[in-house]
Amino acid sequence: MTPNALVLTGRVTRADVPGLCAELEALLAHTPGAAVDCDVGGVVRPDLALVEAIARLGLVARRAGDVELRLRNVPPELGALLDLVGLTDVVGNVRSAPE
């Protein structure tokens, strides 16, 4: 089965989080699956607002039937933030951006 895909680009702020969660809920409602690939390669200035968004997206995915949220193209700065706050194991499989 092809995984669902959610792409985050630009600067993600706290105000964006509810909309991103709604987008993921809609995606899962129309194309249910066991995994969602979340591409964060186009995000600029990774910060704690982005970390919060990822944490909330992970909750939405789990509540939708234990769907796995997999991060793709993770910039090194975001990877370090996820490690710092202890979310690397919670999010699932994290793939770094190609160098």
PDB file of N, CA and C in Angstrom:
ATOM      1  N   MET A   1       0.842  -1.182   0.000  1.00  0.00           N
ATOM      2  CA  MET A   1       0.000   0.000   0.000  1.00  0.00           C
ATOM      3  C   MET A   1       0.888   1.247   0.000  1.00  0.00           C
ATOM      4  N   THR A   2       0.569   2.212  -0.833  1.00  0.00           N
ATOM      5  CA  THR A   2       1.310   3.462  -0.897  1.00  0.00           C
ATOM      6  C   THR A   2       0.918   4.317   0.305  1.00  0.00           C
ATOM      7  N   PRO A   3       1.909   4.853   1.017  1.00  0.00           N
ATOM      8  CA  PRO A   3       1.564   5.674   2.176  1.00  0.00           C
ATOM      9  C   PRO A   3       0.944   7.008   1.764  1.00  0.00           C
ATOM     10  N   ASN A   4       0.158   7.543   2.675  1.00  0.00           N
ATOM     11  CA  ASN A   4      -0.374   8.897   2.500  1.00  0.00           C
ATOM     12  C   ASN A   4       0.790   9.869   2.622  1.00  0.00           C
ATOM     13  N   ALA A   5       0.647  11.073   2.078  1.00  0.00           N
ATOM     14  CA  ALA A   5       1.729  12.051   2.148  1.00  0.00           C
ATOM     15  C   ALA A   5       1.198  13.416   2.572  1.00  0.00           C
ATOM     16  N   LEU A   6       1.951  14.049   3.453  1.00  0.00           N
ATOM     17  CA  LEU A   6       1.673  15.400   3.909  1.00  0.00           C
ATOM     18  C   LEU A   6       2.980  16.167   3.755  1.00  0.00           C
ATOM     19  N   VAL A   7       2.934  17.315   3.108  1.00  0.00           N
ATOM     20  CA  VAL A   7       4.152  18.091   2.853  1.00  0.00           C
ATOM     21  C   VAL A   7       4.061  19.407   3.606  1.00  0.00           C
ATOM     22  N   LEU A   8       5.081  19.685   4.421  1.00  0.00           N
ATOM     23  CA  LEU A   8       5.162  20.951   5.151  1.00  0.00           C
ATOM     24  C   LEU A   8       6.235  21.805   4.496  1.00  0.00           C
ATOM     25  N   THR A   9       5.909  23.061   4.209  1.00  0.00           N
ATOM     26  CA  THR A   9       6.869  23.966   3.586  1.00  0.00           C
ATOM     27  C   THR A   9       6.817  25.322   4.269  1.00  0.00           C
ATOM     28  N   GLY A  10       7.839  26.113   4.014  1.00  0.00           N
ATOM     29  CA  GLY A  10       7.888  27.463   4.573  1.00  0.00           C
ATOM     30  C   GLY A  10       8.121  27.450   6.072  1.00  0.00           C
ATOM     31  N   ARG A  11       7.690  28.508   6.703  1.00  0.00           N
ATOM     32  CA  ARG A  11       7.832  28.614   8.160  1.00  0.00           C
ATOM     33  C   ARG A  11       6.531  28.157   8.805  1.00  0.00           C
ATOM     34  N   VAL A  12       6.614  27.202   9.699  1.00  0.00           N
ATOM     35  CA  VAL A  12       5.443  26.692  10.411  1.00  0.00           C
ATOM     36  C   VAL A  12       5.353  27.424  11.745  1.00  0.00           C
ATOM     37  N   THR A  13       4.192  28.035  11.987  1.00  0.00           N
ATOM     38  CA  THR A  13       3.971  28.755  13.248  1.00  0.00           C
ATOM     39  C   THR A  13       2.912  28.024  14.067  1.00  0.00           C
ATOM     40  N   ARG A  14       2.767  28.435  15.301  1.00  0.00           N
ATOM     41  CA  ARG A  14       1.736  27.829  16.155  1.00  0.00           C
ATOM     42  C   ARG A  14       0.347  28.020  15.569  1.00  0.00           C
ATOM     43  N   ALA A  15       0.123  29.135  14.898  1.00  0.00           N
ATOM     44  CA  ALA A  15      -1.182  29.398  14.282  1.00  0.00           C
ATOM     45  C   ALA A  15      -1.483  28.406  13.155  1.00  0.00           C
ATOM     46  N   ASP A  16      -0.441  27.802  12.564  1.00  0.00           N
ATOM     47  CA  ASP A  16      -0.621  26.831  11.479  1.00  0.00           C
ATOM     48  C   ASP A  16      -1.020  25.449  11.970  1.00  0.00           C
ATOM     49  N   VAL A  17      -0.766  25.150  13.237  1.00  0.00           N
ATOM     50  CA  VAL A  17      -0.925  23.794  13.756  1.00  0.00           C
ATOM     51  C   VAL A  17      -2.350  23.257  13.608  1.00  0.00           C
ATOM     52  N   PRO A  18      -3.399  23.994  14.008  1.00  0.00           N
ATOM     53  CA  PRO A  18      -4.755  23.439  13.843  1.00  0.00           C
ATOM     54  C   PRO A  18      -5.092  23.115  12.386  1.00  0.00           C
ATOM     55  N   GLY A  19      -4.672  23.950  11.460  1.00  0.00           N
ATOM     56  CA  GLY A  19      -4.927  23.696  10.046  1.00  0.00           C
ATOM     57  C   GLY A  19      -4.192  22.467   9.538  1.00  0.00           C
ATOM     58  N   LEU A  20      -2.947  22.281   9.985  1.00  0.00           N
ATOM     59  CA  LEU A  20      -2.185  21.099   9.584  1.00  0.00           C
ATOM     60  C   LEU A  20      -2.831  19.831  10.126  1.00  0.00           C
ATOM     61  N   CYS A  21      -3.307  19.899  11.373  1.00  0.00           N
ATOM     62  CA  CYS A  21      -3.982  18.739  11.967  1.00  0.00           C
ATOM     63  C   CYS A  21      -5.265  18.421  11.201  1.00  0.00           C
ATOM     64  N   ALA A  22      -6.012  19.448  10.825  1.00  0.00           N
ATOM     65  CA  ALA A  22      -7.244  19.245  10.059  1.00  0.00           C
ATOM     66  C   ALA A  22      -6.924  18.659   8.682  1.00  0.00           C
ATOM     67  N   GLU A  23      -5.841  19.116   8.074  1.00  0.00           N
ATOM     68  CA  GLU A  23      -5.419  18.584   6.771  1.00  0.00           C
ATOM     69  C   GLU A  23      -5.086  17.099   6.881  1.00  0.00           C
ATOM     70  N   LEU A  24      -4.376  16.722   7.946  1.00  0.00           N
ATOM     71  CA  LEU A  24      -4.034  15.315   8.149  1.00  0.00           C
ATOM     72  C   LEU A  24      -5.292  14.492   8.419  1.00  0.00           C
ATOM     73  N   GLU A  25      -6.207  15.005   9.228  1.00  0.00           N
ATOM     74  CA  GLU A  25      -7.459  14.290   9.492  1.00  0.00           C
ATOM     75  C   GLU A  25      -8.232  14.057   8.201  1.00  0.00           C
ATOM     76  N   ALA A  26      -8.302  15.067   7.342  1.00  0.00           N
ATOM     77  CA  ALA A  26      -9.005  14.936   6.060  1.00  0.00           C
ATOM     78  C   ALA A  26      -8.312  13.909   5.166  1.00  0.00           C
ATOM     79  N   LEU A  27      -6.993  13.947   5.131  1.00  0.00           N
ATOM     80  CA  LEU A  27      -6.233  12.988   4.330  1.00  0.00           C
ATOM     81  C   LEU A  27      -6.514  11.565   4.793  1.00  0.00           C
ATOM     82  N   LEU A  28      -6.519  11.357   6.099  1.00  0.00           N
ATOM     83  CA  LEU A  28      -6.744  10.021   6.636  1.00  0.00           C
ATOM     84  C   LEU A  28      -8.185   9.572   6.450  1.00  0.00           C
ATOM     85  N   ALA A  29      -9.120  10.511   6.440  1.00  0.00           N
ATOM     86  CA  ALA A  29     -10.528  10.163   6.245  1.00  0.00           C
ATOM     87  C   ALA A  29     -10.787   9.692   4.816  1.00  0.00           C
ATOM     88  N   HIS A  30     -10.070  10.280   3.856  1.00  0.00           N
ATOM     89  CA  HIS A  30     -10.292   9.947   2.449  1.00  0.00           C
ATOM     90  C   HIS A  30      -9.418   8.807   1.960  1.00  0.00           C
ATOM     91  N   THR A  31      -8.240   8.646   2.545  1.00  0.00           N
ATOM     92  CA  THR A  31      -7.334   7.577   2.131  1.00  0.00           C
ATOM     93  C   THR A  31      -6.689   6.961   3.364  1.00  0.00           C
ATOM     94  N   PRO A  32      -7.426   6.128   4.083  1.00  0.00           N
ATOM     95  CA  PRO A  32      -6.867   5.538   5.300  1.00  0.00           C
ATOM     96  C   PRO A  32      -5.684   4.636   4.961  1.00  0.00           C
ATOM     97  N   GLY A  33      -4.779   4.538   5.876  1.00  0.00           N
ATOM     98  CA  GLY A  33      -3.615   3.688   5.671  1.00  0.00           C
ATOM     99  C   GLY A  33      -2.867   3.494   6.963  1.00  0.00           C
ATOM    100  N   ALA A  34      -1.857   2.680   6.909  1.00  0.00           N
ATOM    101  CA  ALA A  34      -1.095   2.362   8.102  1.00  0.00           C
ATOM    102  C   ALA A  34       0.062   3.332   8.327  1.00  0.00           C
ATOM    103  N   ALA A  35       0.280   4.250   7.380  1.00  0.00           N
ATOM    104  CA  ALA A  35       1.401   5.176   7.517  1.00  0.00           C
ATOM    105  C   ALA A  35       1.125   6.473   6.771  1.00  0.00           C
ATOM    106  N   VAL A  36       1.745   7.545   7.275  1.00  0.00           N
ATOM    107  CA  VAL A  36       1.712   8.842   6.613  1.00  0.00           C
ATOM    108  C   VAL A  36       3.145   9.334   6.530  1.00  0.00           C
ATOM    109  N   ASP A  37       3.594   9.636   5.321  1.00  0.00           N
ATOM    110  CA  ASP A  37       4.913  10.243   5.142  1.00  0.00           C
ATOM    111  C   ASP A  37       4.742  11.752   5.222  1.00  0.00           C
ATOM    112  N   CYS A  38       5.446  12.367   6.150  1.00  0.00           N
ATOM    113  CA  CYS A  38       5.394  13.814   6.341  1.00  0.00           C
ATOM    114  C   CYS A  38       6.738  14.386   5.892  1.00  0.00           C
ATOM    115  N   ASP A  39       6.740  15.038   4.740  1.00  0.00           N
ATOM    116  CA  ASP A  39       7.961  15.598   4.167  1.00  0.00           C
ATOM    117  C   ASP A  39       8.168  16.999   4.735  1.00  0.00           C
ATOM    118  N   VAL A  40       9.257  17.181   5.474  1.00  0.00           N
ATOM    119  CA  VAL A  40       9.560  18.471   6.096  1.00  0.00           C
ATOM    120  C   VAL A  40      10.783  19.134   5.467  1.00  0.00           C
ATOM    121  N   GLY A  41      11.181  18.648   4.298  1.00  0.00           N
ATOM    122  CA  GLY A  41      12.365  19.169   3.627  1.00  0.00           C
ATOM    123  C   GLY A  41      12.245  20.612   3.180  1.00  0.00           C
ATOM    124  N   GLY A  42      11.028  21.095   2.968  1.00  0.00           N
ATOM    125  CA  GLY A  42      10.824  22.461   2.514  1.00  0.00           C
ATOM    126  C   GLY A  42      10.578  23.460   3.630  1.00  0.00           C
ATOM    127  N   VAL A  43      10.722  23.027   4.865  1.00  0.00           N
ATOM    128  CA  VAL A  43      10.495  23.918   6.006  1.00  0.00           C
ATOM    129  C   VAL A  43      11.716  24.806   6.210  1.00  0.00           C
ATOM    130  N   VAL A  44      11.462  26.077   6.495  1.00  0.00           N
ATOM    131  CA  VAL A  44      12.555  27.001   6.805  1.00  0.00           C
ATOM    132  C   VAL A  44      12.502  27.353   8.284  1.00  0.00           C
ATOM    133  N   ARG A  45      13.660  27.587   8.836  1.00  0.00           N
ATOM    134  CA  ARG A  45      13.800  27.973  10.244  1.00  0.00           C
ATOM    135  C   ARG A  45      13.082  27.029  11.206  1.00  0.00           C
ATOM    136  N   PRO A  46      13.512  25.752  11.246  1.00  0.00           N
ATOM    137  CA  PRO A  46      12.899  24.817  12.200  1.00  0.00           C
ATOM    138  C   PRO A  46      13.038  25.357  13.627  1.00  0.00           C
ATOM    139  N   ASP A  47      11.922  25.339  14.356  1.00  0.00           N
ATOM    140  CA  ASP A  47      11.937  25.812  15.733  1.00  0.00           C
ATOM    141  C   ASP A  47      10.947  24.999  16.555  1.00  0.00           C
ATOM    142  N   LEU A  48      10.702  25.433  17.789  1.00  0.00           N
ATOM    143  CA  LEU A  48       9.811  24.674  18.662  1.00  0.00           C
ATOM    144  C   LEU A  48       8.364  24.688  18.188  1.00  0.00           C
ATOM    145  N   ALA A  49       7.956  25.676  17.419  1.00  0.00           N
ATOM    146  CA  ALA A  49       6.603  25.665  16.849  1.00  0.00           C
ATOM    147  C   ALA A  49       6.462  24.491  15.873  1.00  0.00           C
ATOM    148  N   LEU A  50       7.489  24.225  15.091  1.00  0.00           N
ATOM    149  CA  LEU A  50       7.469  23.082  14.180  1.00  0.00           C
ATOM    150  C   LEU A  50       7.474  21.776  14.967  1.00  0.00           C
ATOM    151  N   VAL A  51       8.248  21.722  16.029  1.00  0.00           N
ATOM    152  CA  VAL A  51       8.274  20.532  16.885  1.00  0.00           C
ATOM    153  C   VAL A  51       6.884  20.283  17.471  1.00  0.00           C
ATOM    154  N   GLU A  52       6.220  21.350  17.919  1.00  0.00           N
ATOM    155  CA  GLU A  52       4.855  21.207  18.437  1.00  0.00           C
ATOM    156  C   GLU A  52       3.925  20.686  17.348  1.00  0.00           C
ATOM    157  N   ALA A  53       4.051  21.208  16.139  1.00  0.00           N
ATOM    158  CA  ALA A  53       3.216  20.757  15.025  1.00  0.00           C
ATOM    159  C   ALA A  53       3.427  19.269  14.773  1.00  0.00           C
ATOM    160  N   ILE A  54       4.664  18.835  14.773  1.00  0.00           N
ATOM    161  CA  ILE A  54       4.971  17.424  14.529  1.00  0.00           C
ATOM    162  C   ILE A  54       4.393  16.553  15.646  1.00  0.00           C
ATOM    163  N   ALA A  55       4.519  17.007  16.884  1.00  0.00           N
ATOM    164  CA  ALA A  55       3.962  16.250  18.013  1.00  0.00           C
ATOM    165  C   ALA A  55       2.449  16.121  17.876  1.00  0.00           C
ATOM    166  N   ARG A  56       1.779  17.211  17.536  1.00  0.00           N
ATOM    167  CA  ARG A  56       0.319  17.179  17.385  1.00  0.00           C
ATOM    168  C   ARG A  56      -0.097  16.331  16.196  1.00  0.00           C
ATOM    169  N   LEU A  57       0.654  16.396  15.091  1.00  0.00           N
ATOM    170  CA  LEU A  57       0.355  15.542  13.938  1.00  0.00           C
ATOM    171  C   LEU A  57       0.516  14.066  14.313  1.00  0.00           C
ATOM    172  N   GLY A  58       1.520  13.773  15.131  1.00  0.00           N
ATOM    173  CA  GLY A  58       1.702  12.401  15.612  1.00  0.00           C
ATOM    174  C   GLY A  58       0.509  11.924  16.424  1.00  0.00           C
ATOM    175  N   LEU A  59      -0.048  12.806  17.247  1.00  0.00           N
ATOM    176  CA  LEU A  59      -1.247  12.455  18.019  1.00  0.00           C
ATOM    177  C   LEU A  59      -2.442  12.199  17.114  1.00  0.00           C
ATOM    178  N   VAL A  60      -2.626  13.055  16.120  1.00  0.00           N
ATOM    179  CA  VAL A  60      -3.733  12.869  15.169  1.00  0.00           C
ATOM    180  C   VAL A  60      -3.592  11.515  14.473  1.00  0.00           C
ATOM    181  N   ALA A  61      -2.373  11.193  14.053  1.00  0.00           N
ATOM    182  CA  ALA A  61      -2.140   9.929  13.359  1.00  0.00           C
ATOM    183  C   ALA A  61      -2.466   8.742  14.266  1.00  0.00           C
ATOM    184  N   ARG A  62      -2.010   8.781  15.508  1.00  0.00           N
ATOM    185  CA  ARG A  62      -2.274   7.669  16.425  1.00  0.00           C
ATOM    186  C   ARG A  62      -3.756   7.528  16.744  1.00  0.00           C
ATOM    187  N   ARG A  63      -4.433   8.639  16.884  1.00  0.00           N
ATOM    188  CA  ARG A  63      -5.869   8.603  17.179  1.00  0.00           C
ATOM    189  C   ARG A  63      -6.687   8.090  16.000  1.00  0.00           C
ATOM    190  N   ALA A  64      -6.111   8.120  14.817  1.00  0.00           N
ATOM    191  CA  ALA A  64      -6.813   7.666  13.612  1.00  0.00           C
ATOM    192  C   ALA A  64      -6.635   6.166  13.401  1.00  0.00           C
ATOM    193  N   GLY A  65      -6.317   5.457  14.436  1.00  0.00           N
ATOM    194  CA  GLY A  65      -6.155   4.009  14.302  1.00  0.00           C
ATOM    195  C   GLY A  65      -4.710   3.571  14.337  1.00  0.00           C
ATOM    196  N   ASP A  66      -3.916   4.256  15.129  1.00  0.00           N
ATOM    197  CA  ASP A  66      -2.508   3.897  15.293  1.00  0.00           C
ATOM    198  C   ASP A  66      -1.737   3.981  13.977  1.00  0.00           C
ATOM    199  N   VAL A  67      -1.997   5.035  13.213  1.00  0.00           N
ATOM    200  CA  VAL A  67      -1.274   5.300  11.968  1.00  0.00           C
ATOM    201  C   VAL A  67       0.124   5.788  12.321  1.00  0.00           C
ATOM    202  N   GLU A  68       1.128   5.316  11.618  1.00  0.00           N
ATOM    203  CA  GLU A  68       2.509   5.737  11.859  1.00  0.00           C
ATOM    204  C   GLU A  68       2.803   7.017  11.080  1.00  0.00           C
ATOM    205  N   LEU A  69       3.304   8.041  11.772  1.00  0.00           N
ATOM    206  CA  LEU A  69       3.752   9.273  11.128  1.00  0.00           C
ATOM    207  C   LEU A  69       5.252   9.146  10.892  1.00  0.00           C
ATOM    208  N   ARG A  70       5.667   9.182   9.629  1.00  0.00           N
ATOM    209  CA  ARG A  70       7.082   9.032   9.280  1.00  0.00           C
ATOM    210  C   ARG A  70       7.589  10.335   8.691  1.00  0.00           C
ATOM    211  N   LEU A  71       8.613  10.888   9.300  1.00  0.00           N
ATOM    212  CA  LEU A  71       9.196  12.138   8.804  1.00  0.00           C
ATOM    213  C   LEU A  71      10.225  11.848   7.718  1.00  0.00           C
ATOM    214  N   ARG A  72      10.185  12.644   6.667  1.00  0.00           N
ATOM    215  CA  ARG A  72      11.109  12.505   5.541  1.00  0.00           C
ATOM    216  C   ARG A  72      11.823  13.826   5.294  1.00  0.00           C
ATOM    217  N   ASN A  73      13.055  13.745   4.817  1.00  0.00           N
ATOM    218  CA  ASN A  73      13.870  14.915   4.467  1.00  0.00           C
ATOM    219  C   ASN A  73      14.017  15.876   5.651  1.00  0.00           C
ATOM    220  N   VAL A  74      14.340  15.304   6.795  1.00  0.00           N
ATOM    221  CA  VAL A  74      14.466  16.084   8.025  1.00  0.00           C
ATOM    222  C   VAL A  74      15.785  16.852   8.030  1.00  0.00           C
ATOM    223  N   PRO A  75      15.719  18.205   8.097  1.00  0.00           N
ATOM    224  CA  PRO A  75      16.960  18.985   8.179  1.00  0.00           C
ATOM    225  C   PRO A  75      17.680  18.686   9.501  1.00  0.00           C
ATOM    226  N   PRO A  76      19.006  18.787   9.508  1.00  0.00           N
ATOM    227  CA  PRO A  76      19.764  18.487  10.725  1.00  0.00           C
ATOM    228  C   PRO A  76      19.282  19.285  11.945  1.00  0.00           C
ATOM    229  N   GLU A  77      18.915  20.566  11.734  1.00  0.00           N
ATOM    230  CA  GLU A  77      18.465  21.394  12.860  1.00  0.00           C
ATOM    231  C   GLU A  77      17.196  20.829  13.494  1.00  0.00           C
ATOM    232  N   LEU A  78      16.275  20.358  12.654  1.00  0.00           N
ATOM    233  CA  LEU A  78      15.040  19.778  13.164  1.00  0.00           C
ATOM    234  C   LEU A  78      15.318  18.450  13.859  1.00  0.00           C
ATOM    235  N   GLY A  79      16.191  17.651  13.285  1.00  0.00           N
ATOM    236  CA  GLY A  79      16.577  16.388  13.924  1.00  0.00           C
ATOM    237  C   GLY A  79      17.140  16.621  15.315  1.00  0.00           C
ATOM    238  N   ALA A  80      17.971  17.650  15.447  1.00  0.00           N
ATOM    239  CA  ALA A  80      18.557  17.974  16.754  1.00  0.00           C
ATOM    240  C   ALA A  80      17.480  18.424  17.744  1.00  0.00           C
ATOM    241  N   LEU A  81      16.524  19.230  17.277  1.00  0.00           N
ATOM    242  CA  LEU A  81      15.432  19.673  18.157  1.00  0.00           C
ATOM    243  C   LEU A  81      14.569  18.492  18.604  1.00  0.00           C
ATOM    244  N   LEU A  82      14.261  17.592  17.687  1.00  0.00           N
ATOM    245  CA  LEU A  82      13.462  16.419  18.043  1.00  0.00           C
ATOM    246  C   LEU A  82      14.176  15.560  19.074  1.00  0.00           C
ATOM    247  N   ASP A  83      15.497  15.414  18.911  1.00  0.00           N
ATOM    248  CA  ASP A  83      16.293  14.686  19.910  1.00  0.00           C
ATOM    249  C   ASP A  83      16.251  15.396  21.256  1.00  0.00           C
ATOM    250  N   LEU A  84      16.422  16.709  21.229  1.00  0.00           N
ATOM    251  CA  LEU A  84      16.474  17.501  22.454  1.00  0.00           C
ATOM    252  C   LEU A  84      15.207  17.362  23.287  1.00  0.00           C
ATOM    253  N   VAL A  85      14.053  17.366  22.625  1.00  0.00           N
ATOM    254  CA  VAL A  85      12.783  17.286  23.367  1.00  0.00           C
ATOM    255  C   VAL A  85      12.280  15.850  23.512  1.00  0.00           C
ATOM    256  N   GLY A  86      13.024  14.878  23.012  1.00  0.00           N
ATOM    257  CA  GLY A  86      12.679  13.477  23.198  1.00  0.00           C
ATOM    258  C   GLY A  86      11.583  12.960  22.284  1.00  0.00           C
ATOM    259  N   LEU A  87      11.404  13.554  21.114  1.00  0.00           N
ATOM    260  CA  LEU A  87      10.335  13.125  20.210  1.00  0.00           C
ATOM    261  C   LEU A  87      10.801  12.210  19.090  1.00  0.00           C
ATOM    262  N   THR A  88      12.071  11.962  18.969  1.00  0.00           N
ATOM    263  CA  THR A  88      12.560  11.135  17.872  1.00  0.00           C
ATOM    264  C   THR A  88      11.909   9.759  17.892  1.00  0.00           C
ATOM    265  N   ASP A  89      11.794   9.147  19.062  1.00  0.00           N
ATOM    266  CA  ASP A  89      11.200   7.818  19.157  1.00  0.00           C
ATOM    267  C   ASP A  89       9.681   7.859  19.044  1.00  0.00           C
ATOM    268  N   VAL A  90       9.076   8.958  19.417  1.00  0.00           N
ATOM    269  CA  VAL A  90       7.626   9.078  19.384  1.00  0.00           C
ATOM    270  C   VAL A  90       7.106   9.201  17.968  1.00  0.00           C
ATOM    271  N   VAL A  91       7.807   9.952  17.121  1.00  0.00           N
ATOM    272  CA  VAL A  91       7.357  10.232  15.772  1.00  0.00           C
ATOM    273  C   VAL A  91       7.426   8.974  14.897  1.00  0.00           C
ATOM    274  N   GLY A  92       8.326   8.119  15.164  1.00  0.00           N
ATOM    275  CA  GLY A  92       8.473   6.941  14.309  1.00  0.00           C
ATOM    276  C   GLY A  92       9.752   7.044  13.513  1.00  0.00           C
ATOM    277  N   ASN A  93       9.688   6.678  12.287  1.00  0.00           N
ATOM    278  CA  ASN A  93      10.870   6.576  11.469  1.00  0.00           C
ATOM    279  C   ASN A  93      11.207   7.942  10.873  1.00  0.00           C
ATOM    280  N   VAL A  94      12.411   8.430  11.196  1.00  0.00           N
ATOM    281  CA  VAL A  94      12.864   9.758  10.767  1.00  0.00           C
ATOM    282  C   VAL A  94      14.006   9.599   9.768  1.00  0.00           C
ATOM    283  N   ARG A  95      13.816  10.168   8.576  1.00  0.00           N
ATOM    284  CA  ARG A  95      14.876  10.101   7.566  1.00  0.00           C
ATOM    285  C   ARG A  95      15.419  11.491   7.316  1.00  0.00           C
ATOM    286  N   SER A  96      16.727  11.602   7.428  1.00  0.00           N
ATOM    287  CA  SER A  96      17.390  12.895   7.226  1.00  0.00           C
ATOM    288  C   SER A  96      17.318  13.329   5.775  1.00  0.00           C
ATOM    289  N   ALA A  97      17.478  14.627   5.597  1.00  0.00           N
ATOM    290  CA  ALA A  97      17.520  15.188   4.241  1.00  0.00           C
ATOM    291  C   ALA A  97      18.799  14.712   3.568  1.00  0.00           C
ATOM    292  N   PRO A  98      18.742  14.421   2.265  1.00  0.00           N
ATOM    293  CA  PRO A  98      19.956  14.021   1.554  1.00  0.00           C
ATOM    294  C   PRO A  98      20.960  15.164   1.553  1.00  0.00           C
ATOM    295  N   GLU A  99      22.228  14.790   1.647  1.00  0.00           N
ATOM    296  CA  GLU A  99      23.267  15.827   1.690  1.00  0.00           C
ATOM    297  C   GLU A  99      23.866  16.046   0.334  1.00  0.00           C
TER     298      GLU A  99
END
